Amino acid sequence: MRKFDEREREIIAAKLISEGRRQFEALGLKKTSVADLTKAAGIAQGSFYLFYGSKEELYYDILLQEEHDIREQMLAPLREGRVSREAFKQLLQASIRLMEERPLLRQLYDEAVMEQLFRKLPEEKLSENFQNDADDLLPVLLRGKEQGWLTAEDPETVVSLLRAVVLLSFQKRQIGEEQYDATMELLTDLIARGLVAEGEGETDDDRS
């Protein structure tokens, strides 16, 4: 099997990500084969395993990139300073909408896709997502605690709570599509009220 130098590895890794995203969006995880991925990336099928142990690992890496992009969009306003309850609620809702708009993330509404990922991925790979969340969210939440707008005692618990909201958003079918929007509206409202200090002009009776 051919060996690649560092520059070649970087190019191939980027190609696998871009072509993998395209293939997975078009065909889904189950119907996309390693052969499809390597043909699109222009490498031998055996060379794929120099980069990933399975197609599920590539799929998961792409999902992590998608989630990182959404987190960054959510966190940008939080990094600017004090946040109101309403602004926090709107950021949560916007993040949920962004996830619903991403073709790959929408595939996670299918329980079979989730089961395939959890079955195939090594435990350390799954824990990477939690660490990414903590790395991105904790500095912002700790600053929010210092600034006084975040009222929760333990920012690490807030990270877990926000992860729970994301996981719940993938249960649209189980919640019931007719009730889903109202459920998430109420949930984000309750979370904002529970985590964010009441600002000037805001009361507990305010509703968006």
N, C-alpha and C. Protein backbone atom coordinates (compact mmCIF):
# COMPACT_ATOMS: atom_id res chain seq x y z
N MET A 1 0.84 -1.20 0.00
CA MET A 1 0.00 0.00 0.00
C MET A 1 0.88 1.25 0.00
N ARG A 2 0.51 2.18 -0.84
CA ARG A 2 1.32 3.40 -0.97
C ARG A 2 1.28 4.23 0.31
N LYS A 3 2.45 4.79 0.67
CA LYS A 3 2.51 5.70 1.80
C LYS A 3 2.40 7.14 1.29
N PHE A 4 1.75 7.98 2.10
CA PHE A 4 1.56 9.38 1.73
C PHE A 4 2.40 10.26 2.64
N ASP A 5 2.96 11.32 2.06
CA ASP A 5 3.66 12.28 2.91
C ASP A 5 2.62 13.17 3.60
N GLU A 6 3.11 14.02 4.50
CA GLU A 6 2.20 14.81 5.33
C GLU A 6 1.27 15.69 4.50
N ARG A 7 1.82 16.32 3.48
CA ARG A 7 1.00 17.20 2.62
C ARG A 7 -0.07 16.40 1.88
N GLU A 8 0.31 15.24 1.37
CA GLU A 8 -0.66 14.39 0.68
C GLU A 8 -1.76 13.94 1.64
N ARG A 9 -1.39 13.61 2.87
CA ARG A 9 -2.39 13.18 3.85
C ARG A 9 -3.38 14.30 4.14
N GLU A 10 -2.89 15.52 4.25
CA GLU A 10 -3.79 16.65 4.50
C GLU A 10 -4.77 16.84 3.35
N ILE A 11 -4.27 16.73 2.13
CA ILE A 11 -5.13 16.90 0.95
C ILE A 11 -6.18 15.79 0.88
N ILE A 12 -5.74 14.55 1.11
CA ILE A 12 -6.67 13.42 1.04
C ILE A 12 -7.70 13.49 2.16
N ALA A 13 -7.26 13.86 3.37
CA ALA A 13 -8.19 13.98 4.50
C ALA A 13 -9.27 15.01 4.20
N ALA A 14 -8.87 16.15 3.64
CA ALA A 14 -9.84 17.19 3.29
C ALA A 14 -10.78 16.71 2.20
N LYS A 15 -10.24 15.95 1.25
CA LYS A 15 -11.05 15.41 0.15
C LYS A 15 -12.07 14.41 0.68
N LEU A 16 -11.64 13.56 1.61
CA LEU A 16 -12.56 12.59 2.19
C LEU A 16 -13.70 13.29 2.92
N ILE A 17 -13.39 14.37 3.62
CA ILE A 17 -14.43 15.12 4.32
C ILE A 17 -15.41 15.74 3.33
N SER A 18 -14.90 16.42 2.31
CA SER A 18 -15.78 17.11 1.37
C SER A 18 -16.59 16.14 0.53
N GLU A 19 -15.93 15.10 0.02
CA GLU A 19 -16.65 14.12 -0.79
C GLU A 19 -17.54 13.24 0.08
N GLY A 20 -17.08 12.96 1.29
CA GLY A 20 -17.91 12.20 2.21
C GLY A 20 -19.20 12.92 2.53
N ARG A 21 -19.11 14.21 2.77
CA ARG A 21 -20.31 15.00 3.03
C ARG A 21 -21.27 14.90 1.84
N ARG A 22 -20.73 15.04 0.66
CA ARG A 22 -21.57 15.00 -0.54
C ARG A 22 -22.22 13.63 -0.71
N GLN A 23 -21.45 12.57 -0.53
CA GLN A 23 -21.98 11.22 -0.69
C GLN A 23 -23.02 10.89 0.38
N PHE A 24 -22.70 11.22 1.63
CA PHE A 24 -23.62 10.90 2.72
C PHE A 24 -24.92 11.70 2.61
N GLU A 25 -24.83 12.95 2.19
CA GLU A 25 -26.04 13.75 2.02
C GLU A 25 -26.92 13.18 0.92
N ALA A 26 -26.30 12.66 -0.13
CA ALA A 26 -27.06 12.14 -1.27
C ALA A 26 -27.61 10.74 -1.01
N LEU A 27 -26.81 9.88 -0.39
CA LEU A 27 -27.17 8.47 -0.27
C LEU A 27 -27.51 8.02 1.14
N GLY A 28 -27.08 8.79 2.14
CA GLY A 28 -27.26 8.35 3.51
C GLY A 28 -26.12 7.45 3.96
N LEU A 29 -26.05 7.20 5.25
CA LEU A 29 -24.96 6.40 5.81
C LEU A 29 -25.01 4.96 5.33
N LYS A 30 -26.18 4.36 5.39
CA LYS A 30 -26.30 2.93 5.08
C LYS A 30 -25.93 2.62 3.64
N LYS A 31 -26.38 3.45 2.70
CA LYS A 31 -26.21 3.15 1.28
C LYS A 31 -24.86 3.61 0.72
N THR A 32 -24.14 4.40 1.47
CA THR A 32 -22.82 4.84 1.02
C THR A 32 -21.78 3.80 1.41
N SER A 33 -20.99 3.37 0.45
CA SER A 33 -19.95 2.36 0.72
C SER A 33 -18.57 3.02 0.78
N VAL A 34 -17.63 2.30 1.35
CA VAL A 34 -16.24 2.78 1.36
C VAL A 34 -15.75 2.94 -0.08
N ALA A 35 -16.18 2.06 -0.96
CA ALA A 35 -15.79 2.17 -2.38
C ALA A 35 -16.30 3.48 -2.99
N ASP A 36 -17.53 3.87 -2.64
CA ASP A 36 -18.06 5.15 -3.12
C ASP A 36 -17.18 6.31 -2.65
N LEU A 37 -16.78 6.24 -1.40
CA LEU A 37 -16.00 7.33 -0.80
C LEU A 37 -14.61 7.43 -1.41
N THR A 38 -13.96 6.28 -1.58
CA THR A 38 -12.59 6.31 -2.10
C THR A 38 -12.56 6.67 -3.58
N LYS A 39 -13.56 6.23 -4.32
CA LYS A 39 -13.64 6.60 -5.74
C LYS A 39 -13.79 8.11 -5.88
N ALA A 40 -14.68 8.69 -5.05
CA ALA A 40 -14.91 10.13 -5.11
C ALA A 40 -13.66 10.90 -4.68
N ALA A 41 -12.92 10.34 -3.72
CA ALA A 41 -11.72 11.02 -3.21
C ALA A 41 -10.49 10.75 -4.07
N GLY A 42 -10.58 9.79 -4.97
CA GLY A 42 -9.46 9.50 -5.86
C GLY A 42 -8.33 8.72 -5.21
N ILE A 43 -8.67 7.82 -4.27
CA ILE A 43 -7.66 6.99 -3.63
C ILE A 43 -8.09 5.52 -3.70
N ALA A 44 -7.13 4.63 -3.48
CA ALA A 44 -7.44 3.20 -3.46
C ALA A 44 -8.30 2.89 -2.23
N GLN A 45 -9.15 1.86 -2.37
CA GLN A 45 -10.06 1.54 -1.28
C GLN A 45 -9.30 1.19 0.01
N GLY A 46 -8.20 0.46 -0.13
CA GLY A 46 -7.43 0.10 1.05
C GLY A 46 -6.82 1.29 1.77
N SER A 47 -6.55 2.36 1.01
CA SER A 47 -5.95 3.56 1.61
C SER A 47 -6.90 4.28 2.55
N PHE A 48 -8.19 4.03 2.39
CA PHE A 48 -9.18 4.67 3.27
C PHE A 48 -8.86 4.39 4.74
N TYR A 49 -8.42 3.16 5.00
CA TYR A 49 -8.22 2.73 6.39
C TYR A 49 -6.94 3.29 7.01
N LEU A 50 -6.17 4.03 6.23
CA LEU A 50 -5.07 4.80 6.81
C LEU A 50 -5.60 6.05 7.52
N PHE A 51 -6.84 6.40 7.21
CA PHE A 51 -7.44 7.62 7.75
C PHE A 51 -8.60 7.33 8.71
N TYR A 52 -9.39 6.31 8.40
CA TYR A 52 -10.56 6.00 9.22
C TYR A 52 -10.72 4.49 9.36
N GLY A 53 -11.18 4.08 10.54
CA GLY A 53 -11.42 2.66 10.76
C GLY A 53 -12.68 2.15 10.11
N SER A 54 -13.60 3.04 9.79
CA SER A 54 -14.87 2.66 9.17
C SER A 54 -15.50 3.89 8.54
N LYS A 55 -16.50 3.67 7.69
CA LYS A 55 -17.21 4.80 7.10
C LYS A 55 -17.97 5.57 8.17
N GLU A 56 -18.36 4.86 9.25
CA GLU A 56 -19.07 5.53 10.34
C GLU A 56 -18.19 6.57 11.02
N GLU A 57 -16.89 6.28 11.12
CA GLU A 57 -15.98 7.25 11.73
C GLU A 57 -15.86 8.51 10.87
N LEU A 58 -15.81 8.35 9.56
CA LEU A 58 -15.80 9.53 8.68
C LEU A 58 -17.10 10.31 8.80
N TYR A 59 -18.20 9.60 8.78
CA TYR A 59 -19.52 10.23 8.93
C TYR A 59 -19.57 11.05 10.23
N TYR A 60 -19.07 10.44 11.29
CA TYR A 60 -19.10 11.10 12.60
C TYR A 60 -18.22 12.34 12.62
N ASP A 61 -17.05 12.26 11.99
CA ASP A 61 -16.18 13.44 11.92
C ASP A 61 -16.87 14.59 11.19
N ILE A 62 -17.61 14.26 10.14
CA ILE A 62 -18.34 15.30 9.41
C ILE A 62 -19.45 15.87 10.28
N LEU A 63 -20.13 15.01 11.03
CA LEU A 63 -21.16 15.49 11.96
C LEU A 63 -20.56 16.44 13.00
N LEU A 64 -19.37 16.09 13.51
CA LEU A 64 -18.72 16.95 14.49
C LEU A 64 -18.42 18.33 13.91
N GLN A 65 -18.02 18.37 12.65
CA GLN A 65 -17.78 19.66 11.99
C GLN A 65 -19.08 20.46 11.87
N GLU A 66 -20.16 19.77 11.50
CA GLU A 66 -21.45 20.44 11.38
C GLU A 66 -21.87 21.03 12.73
N GLU A 67 -21.74 20.23 13.78
CA GLU A 67 -22.13 20.69 15.10
C GLU A 67 -21.24 21.84 15.57
N HIS A 68 -19.95 21.77 15.25
CA HIS A 68 -19.04 22.85 15.63
C HIS A 68 -19.45 24.16 14.95
N ASP A 69 -19.81 24.09 13.69
CA ASP A 69 -20.25 25.30 12.97
C ASP A 69 -21.47 25.92 13.65
N ILE A 70 -22.41 25.07 14.05
CA ILE A 70 -23.63 25.57 14.70
C ILE A 70 -23.30 26.15 16.07
N ARG A 71 -22.43 25.47 16.83
CA ARG A 71 -22.04 26.00 18.14
C ARG A 71 -21.40 27.37 18.00
N GLU A 72 -20.54 27.53 16.99
CA GLU A 72 -19.88 28.81 16.81
C GLU A 72 -20.88 29.92 16.51
N GLN A 73 -21.89 29.62 15.72
CA GLN A 73 -22.92 30.62 15.44
C GLN A 73 -23.71 30.96 16.69
N MET A 74 -23.93 29.97 17.54
CA MET A 74 -24.65 30.21 18.78
C MET A 74 -23.80 31.01 19.77
N LEU A 75 -22.51 30.69 19.84
CA LEU A 75 -21.66 31.27 20.87
C LEU A 75 -21.18 32.68 20.53
N ALA A 76 -21.15 33.02 19.26
CA ALA A 76 -20.64 34.35 18.88
C ALA A 76 -21.33 35.47 19.64
N PRO A 77 -22.68 35.51 19.70
CA PRO A 77 -23.33 36.59 20.46
C PRO A 77 -23.05 36.50 21.97
N LEU A 78 -22.89 35.27 22.49
CA LEU A 78 -22.65 35.11 23.92
C LEU A 78 -21.27 35.63 24.31
N ARG A 79 -20.34 35.62 23.38
CA ARG A 79 -18.99 36.11 23.66
C ARG A 79 -18.93 37.63 23.71
N GLU A 80 -19.97 38.29 23.24
CA GLU A 80 -19.94 39.75 23.13
C GLU A 80 -20.26 40.46 24.45
N GLY A 81 -20.84 39.75 25.40
CA GLY A 81 -21.15 40.40 26.67
C GLY A 81 -22.41 39.85 27.30
N ARG A 82 -23.02 40.65 28.15
CA ARG A 82 -24.19 40.23 28.91
C ARG A 82 -25.32 39.83 27.97
N VAL A 83 -26.03 38.77 28.34
CA VAL A 83 -27.08 38.20 27.49
C VAL A 83 -28.41 38.23 28.23
N SER A 84 -29.46 38.61 27.53
CA SER A 84 -30.80 38.60 28.13
C SER A 84 -31.42 37.21 28.02
N ARG A 85 -32.46 36.98 28.80
CA ARG A 85 -33.17 35.71 28.71
C ARG A 85 -33.72 35.49 27.31
N GLU A 86 -34.34 36.53 26.78
CA GLU A 86 -34.95 36.40 25.46
C GLU A 86 -33.89 36.10 24.40
N ALA A 87 -32.75 36.76 24.49
CA ALA A 87 -31.68 36.51 23.52
C ALA A 87 -31.16 35.08 23.62
N PHE A 88 -31.03 34.59 24.86
CA PHE A 88 -30.55 33.22 25.07
C PHE A 88 -31.55 32.22 24.49
N LYS A 89 -32.82 32.48 24.75
CA LYS A 89 -33.87 31.61 24.21
C LYS A 89 -33.83 31.60 22.69
N GLN A 90 -33.70 32.77 22.09
CA GLN A 90 -33.67 32.86 20.63
C GLN A 90 -32.45 32.15 20.05
N LEU A 91 -31.33 32.22 20.76
CA LEU A 91 -30.13 31.51 20.30
C LEU A 91 -30.34 30.00 20.34
N LEU A 92 -30.97 29.50 21.39
CA LEU A 92 -31.27 28.07 21.47
C LEU A 92 -32.17 27.65 20.31
N GLN A 93 -33.21 28.43 20.08
CA GLN A 93 -34.15 28.08 19.02
C GLN A 93 -33.49 28.16 17.64
N ALA A 94 -32.64 29.16 17.45
CA ALA A 94 -31.94 29.29 16.17
C ALA A 94 -31.01 28.10 15.94
N SER A 95 -30.36 27.63 17.01
CA SER A 95 -29.47 26.48 16.89
C SER A 95 -30.24 25.23 16.50
N ILE A 96 -31.42 25.05 17.09
CA ILE A 96 -32.26 23.90 16.74
C ILE A 96 -32.69 23.98 15.28
N ARG A 97 -33.07 25.17 14.84
CA ARG A 97 -33.47 25.33 13.44
C ARG A 97 -32.31 25.02 12.49
N LEU A 98 -31.12 25.48 12.86
CA LEU A 98 -29.95 25.21 12.02
C LEU A 98 -29.70 23.71 11.89
N MET A 99 -29.87 22.98 12.98
CA MET A 99 -29.68 21.53 12.93
C MET A 99 -30.70 20.89 12.01
N GLU A 100 -31.93 21.40 12.06
CA GLU A 100 -32.98 20.84 11.22
C GLU A 100 -32.74 21.13 9.75
N GLU A 101 -31.98 22.19 9.46
CA GLU A 101 -31.72 22.57 8.07
C GLU A 101 -30.53 21.84 7.45
N ARG A 102 -29.71 21.22 8.28
CA ARG A 102 -28.52 20.52 7.77
C ARG A 102 -28.90 19.10 7.35
N PRO A 103 -28.70 18.74 6.08
CA PRO A 103 -29.12 17.42 5.60
C PRO A 103 -28.55 16.26 6.42
N LEU A 104 -27.28 16.33 6.77
CA LEU A 104 -26.68 15.23 7.54
C LEU A 104 -27.29 15.13 8.93
N LEU A 105 -27.45 16.25 9.59
CA LEU A 105 -28.00 16.22 10.94
C LEU A 105 -29.45 15.76 10.93
N ARG A 106 -30.18 16.08 9.87
CA ARG A 106 -31.56 15.60 9.76
C ARG A 106 -31.62 14.08 9.68
N GLN A 107 -30.57 13.47 9.15
CA GLN A 107 -30.56 12.01 9.06
C GLN A 107 -30.57 11.35 10.44
N LEU A 108 -30.15 12.10 11.46
CA LEU A 108 -30.12 11.54 12.81
C LEU A 108 -31.51 11.40 13.40
N TYR A 109 -32.54 11.95 12.73
CA TYR A 109 -33.91 11.69 13.16
C TYR A 109 -34.26 10.22 12.98
N ASP A 110 -33.53 9.53 12.11
CA ASP A 110 -33.75 8.11 11.85
C ASP A 110 -33.04 7.30 12.92
N GLU A 111 -33.79 6.57 13.72
CA GLU A 111 -33.20 5.79 14.81
C GLU A 111 -32.17 4.79 14.31
N ALA A 112 -32.40 4.25 13.10
CA ALA A 112 -31.47 3.25 12.56
C ALA A 112 -30.09 3.85 12.34
N VAL A 113 -30.03 5.11 11.94
CA VAL A 113 -28.74 5.78 11.74
C VAL A 113 -28.03 5.95 13.07
N MET A 114 -28.77 6.40 14.08
CA MET A 114 -28.17 6.57 15.41
C MET A 114 -27.66 5.24 15.94
N GLU A 115 -28.46 4.19 15.78
CA GLU A 115 -28.05 2.87 16.28
C GLU A 115 -26.80 2.38 15.57
N GLN A 116 -26.72 2.61 14.25
CA GLN A 116 -25.55 2.19 13.49
C GLN A 116 -24.29 2.91 13.97
N LEU A 117 -24.43 4.20 14.24
CA LEU A 117 -23.29 4.97 14.73
C LEU A 117 -22.83 4.47 16.09
N PHE A 118 -23.77 4.32 17.02
CA PHE A 118 -23.40 3.91 18.37
C PHE A 118 -22.84 2.49 18.39
N ARG A 119 -23.30 1.66 17.46
CA ARG A 119 -22.81 0.28 17.39
C ARG A 119 -21.41 0.20 16.82
N LYS A 120 -21.10 1.04 15.85
CA LYS A 120 -19.84 0.94 15.11
C LYS A 120 -18.71 1.80 15.68
N LEU A 121 -19.06 2.90 16.33
CA LEU A 121 -18.02 3.83 16.77
C LEU A 121 -17.39 3.39 18.09
N PRO A 122 -16.08 3.53 18.22
CA PRO A 122 -15.43 3.25 19.50
C PRO A 122 -15.84 4.27 20.56
N GLU A 123 -15.81 3.85 21.80
CA GLU A 123 -16.26 4.70 22.90
C GLU A 123 -15.50 6.02 22.95
N GLU A 124 -14.19 5.97 22.69
CA GLU A 124 -13.40 7.20 22.77
C GLU A 124 -13.81 8.19 21.68
N LYS A 125 -14.30 7.68 20.57
CA LYS A 125 -14.76 8.56 19.49
C LYS A 125 -16.05 9.26 19.90
N LEU A 126 -16.95 8.52 20.54
CA LEU A 126 -18.20 9.12 21.00
C LEU A 126 -17.95 10.17 22.06
N SER A 127 -16.99 9.91 22.95
CA SER A 127 -16.70 10.87 24.01
C SER A 127 -16.07 12.15 23.47
N GLU A 128 -15.54 12.09 22.25
CA GLU A 128 -14.93 13.27 21.64
C GLU A 128 -15.95 14.39 21.46
N ASN A 129 -17.19 14.01 21.16
CA ASN A 129 -18.23 15.01 20.97
C ASN A 129 -18.49 15.78 22.26
N PHE A 130 -18.56 15.06 23.38
CA PHE A 130 -18.77 15.73 24.66
C PHE A 130 -17.61 16.67 24.98
N GLN A 131 -16.40 16.22 24.70
CA GLN A 131 -15.23 17.07 24.98
C GLN A 131 -15.24 18.31 24.12
N ASN A 132 -15.64 18.17 22.85
CA ASN A 132 -15.73 19.33 21.97
C ASN A 132 -16.75 20.34 22.50
N ASP A 133 -17.89 19.82 22.95
CA ASP A 133 -18.91 20.70 23.53
C ASP A 133 -18.34 21.46 24.72
N ALA A 134 -17.69 20.72 25.61
CA ALA A 134 -17.14 21.34 26.81
C ALA A 134 -16.07 22.37 26.46
N ASP A 135 -15.19 22.04 25.53
CA ASP A 135 -14.12 22.97 25.14
C ASP A 135 -14.68 24.27 24.58
N ASP A 136 -15.75 24.18 23.81
CA ASP A 136 -16.33 25.37 23.19
C ASP A 136 -17.23 26.15 24.14
N LEU A 137 -18.03 25.42 24.93
CA LEU A 137 -19.07 26.08 25.73
C LEU A 137 -18.57 26.58 27.08
N LEU A 138 -17.72 25.80 27.74
CA LEU A 138 -17.35 26.14 29.12
C LEU A 138 -16.73 27.53 29.26
N PRO A 139 -15.78 27.94 28.42
CA PRO A 139 -15.21 29.28 28.59
C PRO A 139 -16.26 30.38 28.51
N VAL A 140 -17.23 30.22 27.62
CA VAL A 140 -18.29 31.23 27.48
C VAL A 140 -19.19 31.22 28.70
N LEU A 141 -19.54 30.04 29.19
CA LEU A 141 -20.43 29.94 30.35
C LEU A 141 -19.73 30.43 31.62
N LEU A 142 -18.45 30.13 31.77
CA LEU A 142 -17.72 30.63 32.93
C LEU A 142 -17.64 32.16 32.91
N ARG A 143 -17.47 32.73 31.73
CA ARG A 143 -17.47 34.19 31.61
C ARG A 143 -18.86 34.74 31.93
N GLY A 144 -19.89 34.02 31.50
CA GLY A 144 -21.26 34.44 31.82
C GLY A 144 -21.52 34.43 33.31
N LYS A 145 -20.92 33.46 34.00
CA LYS A 145 -21.03 33.40 35.46
C LYS A 145 -20.35 34.61 36.09
N GLU A 146 -19.18 34.96 35.58
CA GLU A 146 -18.45 36.13 36.10
C GLU A 146 -19.21 37.42 35.82
N GLN A 147 -19.82 37.51 34.65
CA GLN A 147 -20.54 38.72 34.26
C GLN A 147 -21.90 38.83 34.94
N GLY A 148 -22.38 37.71 35.49
CA GLY A 148 -23.61 37.75 36.25
C GLY A 148 -24.87 37.39 35.50
N TRP A 149 -24.78 37.15 34.19
CA TRP A 149 -26.02 36.82 33.48
C TRP A 149 -26.36 35.34 33.57
N LEU A 150 -25.36 34.49 33.81
CA LEU A 150 -25.63 33.06 34.00
C LEU A 150 -25.81 32.79 35.48
N THR A 151 -26.95 32.25 35.86
CA THR A 151 -27.26 32.05 37.28
C THR A 151 -26.97 30.63 37.76
N ALA A 152 -26.77 29.69 36.85
CA ALA A 152 -26.53 28.30 37.24
C ALA A 152 -25.24 28.19 38.04
N GLU A 153 -25.25 27.35 39.09
CA GLU A 153 -24.09 27.20 39.94
C GLU A 153 -22.96 26.45 39.24
N ASP A 154 -23.30 25.48 38.42
CA ASP A 154 -22.29 24.61 37.81
C ASP A 154 -22.36 24.70 36.29
N PRO A 155 -21.47 25.47 35.65
CA PRO A 155 -21.49 25.57 34.19
C PRO A 155 -21.33 24.23 33.47
N GLU A 156 -20.62 23.28 34.09
CA GLU A 156 -20.46 21.98 33.44
C GLU A 156 -21.80 21.27 33.30
N THR A 157 -22.67 21.46 34.29
CA THR A 157 -24.01 20.88 34.20
C THR A 157 -24.81 21.55 33.09
N VAL A 158 -24.56 22.84 32.87
CA VAL A 158 -25.24 23.55 31.78
C VAL A 158 -24.81 22.96 30.43
N VAL A 159 -23.53 22.61 30.30
CA VAL A 159 -23.07 21.96 29.06
C VAL A 159 -23.86 20.68 28.82
N SER A 160 -24.03 19.87 29.87
CA SER A 160 -24.80 18.63 29.74
C SER A 160 -26.25 18.91 29.40
N LEU A 161 -26.81 19.96 29.99
CA LEU A 161 -28.20 20.33 29.69
C LEU A 161 -28.36 20.72 28.23
N LEU A 162 -27.44 21.52 27.72
CA LEU A 162 -27.53 21.94 26.32
C LEU A 162 -27.34 20.75 25.38
N ARG A 163 -26.50 19.81 25.77
CA ARG A 163 -26.36 18.57 24.98
C ARG A 163 -27.67 17.80 24.99
N ALA A 164 -28.35 17.78 26.13
CA ALA A 164 -29.62 17.07 26.23
C ALA A 164 -30.67 17.69 25.30
N VAL A 165 -30.65 19.02 25.19
CA VAL A 165 -31.58 19.69 24.27
C VAL A 165 -31.31 19.25 22.84
N VAL A 166 -30.04 19.18 22.47
CA VAL A 166 -29.68 18.74 21.12
C VAL A 166 -30.18 17.32 20.87
N LEU A 167 -29.92 16.42 21.82
CA LEU A 167 -30.35 15.03 21.66
C LEU A 167 -31.87 14.94 21.59
N LEU A 168 -32.56 15.75 22.39
CA LEU A 168 -34.02 15.74 22.36
C LEU A 168 -34.54 16.22 21.01
N SER A 169 -33.84 17.15 20.40
CA SER A 169 -34.29 17.67 19.10
C SER A 169 -34.27 16.59 18.02
N PHE A 170 -33.50 15.51 18.24
CA PHE A 170 -33.48 14.41 17.28
C PHE A 170 -34.63 13.44 17.49
N GLN A 171 -35.47 13.69 18.50
CA GLN A 171 -36.58 12.80 18.81
C GLN A 171 -37.91 13.37 18.33
N LYS A 172 -37.86 14.07 17.22
CA LYS A 172 -39.06 14.75 16.71
C LYS A 172 -40.21 13.77 16.49
N ARG A 173 -39.90 12.63 15.92
CA ARG A 173 -40.95 11.64 15.64
C ARG A 173 -41.54 11.10 16.93
N GLN A 174 -40.67 10.86 17.93
CA GLN A 174 -41.15 10.31 19.19
C GLN A 174 -41.97 11.33 19.97
N ILE A 175 -41.55 12.58 19.93
CA ILE A 175 -42.31 13.64 20.60
C ILE A 175 -43.66 13.82 19.94
N GLY A 176 -43.67 13.69 18.61
CA GLY A 176 -44.90 13.92 17.84
C GLY A 176 -44.72 15.20 17.04
N GLU A 177 -44.75 15.09 15.73
CA GLU A 177 -44.44 16.24 14.89
C GLU A 177 -45.41 17.40 15.11
N GLU A 178 -46.67 17.08 15.46
CA GLU A 178 -47.65 18.15 15.68
C GLU A 178 -47.32 18.96 16.93
N GLN A 179 -46.73 18.31 17.92
CA GLN A 179 -46.43 18.97 19.19
C GLN A 179 -44.98 19.42 19.31
N TYR A 180 -44.16 19.04 18.35
CA TYR A 180 -42.72 19.26 18.48
C TYR A 180 -42.37 20.74 18.62
N ASP A 181 -42.86 21.58 17.73
CA ASP A 181 -42.49 23.00 17.75
C ASP A 181 -42.89 23.66 19.06
N ALA A 182 -44.13 23.38 19.51
CA ALA A 182 -44.60 23.97 20.76
C ALA A 182 -43.80 23.45 21.95
N THR A 183 -43.44 22.17 21.89
CA THR A 183 -42.66 21.57 22.97
C THR A 183 -41.28 22.22 23.08
N MET A 184 -40.61 22.38 21.95
CA MET A 184 -39.28 22.99 21.97
C MET A 184 -39.35 24.47 22.33
N GLU A 185 -40.42 25.14 21.93
CA GLU A 185 -40.61 26.54 22.31
C GLU A 185 -40.71 26.67 23.82
N LEU A 186 -41.53 25.81 24.43
CA LEU A 186 -41.69 25.84 25.89
C LEU A 186 -40.40 25.45 26.58
N LEU A 187 -39.74 24.42 26.08
CA LEU A 187 -38.50 23.96 26.71
C LEU A 187 -37.43 25.04 26.70
N THR A 188 -37.22 25.68 25.55
CA THR A 188 -36.19 26.72 25.48
C THR A 188 -36.55 27.91 26.35
N ASP A 189 -37.84 28.20 26.47
CA ASP A 189 -38.28 29.29 27.35
C ASP A 189 -37.96 28.96 28.81
N LEU A 190 -38.26 27.73 29.22
CA LEU A 190 -38.00 27.33 30.60
C LEU A 190 -36.50 27.30 30.90
N ILE A 191 -35.72 26.83 29.95
CA ILE A 191 -34.27 26.79 30.15
C ILE A 191 -33.71 28.21 30.30
N ALA A 192 -34.14 29.12 29.43
CA ALA A 192 -33.65 30.50 29.51
C ALA A 192 -34.01 31.12 30.86
N ARG A 193 -35.22 30.86 31.33
CA ARG A 193 -35.65 31.41 32.63
C ARG A 193 -34.87 30.80 33.78
N GLY A 194 -34.49 29.54 33.62
CA GLY A 194 -33.77 28.86 34.70
C GLY A 194 -32.29 29.18 34.74
N LEU A 195 -31.72 29.62 33.61
CA LEU A 195 -30.28 29.81 33.54
C LEU A 195 -29.83 31.26 33.50
N VAL A 196 -30.69 32.14 33.00
CA VAL A 196 -30.26 33.51 32.72
C VAL A 196 -30.94 34.48 33.68
N ALA A 197 -30.15 35.40 34.24
CA ALA A 197 -30.67 36.37 35.20
C ALA A 197 -31.69 37.28 34.53
N GLU A 198 -32.67 37.69 35.31
CA GLU A 198 -33.67 38.63 34.82
C GLU A 198 -33.00 39.97 34.53
N GLY A 199 -33.18 40.47 33.33
CA GLY A 199 -32.57 41.73 32.94
C GLY A 199 -33.51 42.89 33.13
N GLU A 200 -32.98 44.07 32.89
CA GLU A 200 -33.77 45.29 33.02
C GLU A 200 -34.94 45.23 32.04
N GLY A 201 -36.14 45.45 32.57
CA GLY A 201 -37.33 45.44 31.72
C GLY A 201 -37.91 44.06 31.49
N GLU A 202 -37.25 43.01 32.02
CA GLU A 202 -37.76 41.65 31.87
C GLU A 202 -38.42 41.22 33.16
N THR A 203 -39.47 40.43 33.04
CA THR A 203 -40.13 39.84 34.19
C THR A 203 -40.39 38.38 33.90
N ASP A 204 -40.73 37.63 34.95
CA ASP A 204 -41.02 36.21 34.77
C ASP A 204 -42.31 35.98 34.00
N ASP A 205 -43.09 37.03 33.82
CA ASP A 205 -44.33 36.89 33.06
C ASP A 205 -44.14 37.19 31.58
N ASP A 206 -42.92 37.65 31.19
CA ASP A 206 -42.69 37.96 29.78
C ASP A 206 -42.80 36.70 28.94
N ARG A 207 -43.35 36.84 27.74
CA ARG A 207 -43.41 35.75 26.77
C ARG A 207 -43.02 36.32 25.43
N SER A 208 -42.33 35.50 24.64
CA SER A 208 -41.96 35.98 23.31
C SER A 208 -43.18 35.99 22.43
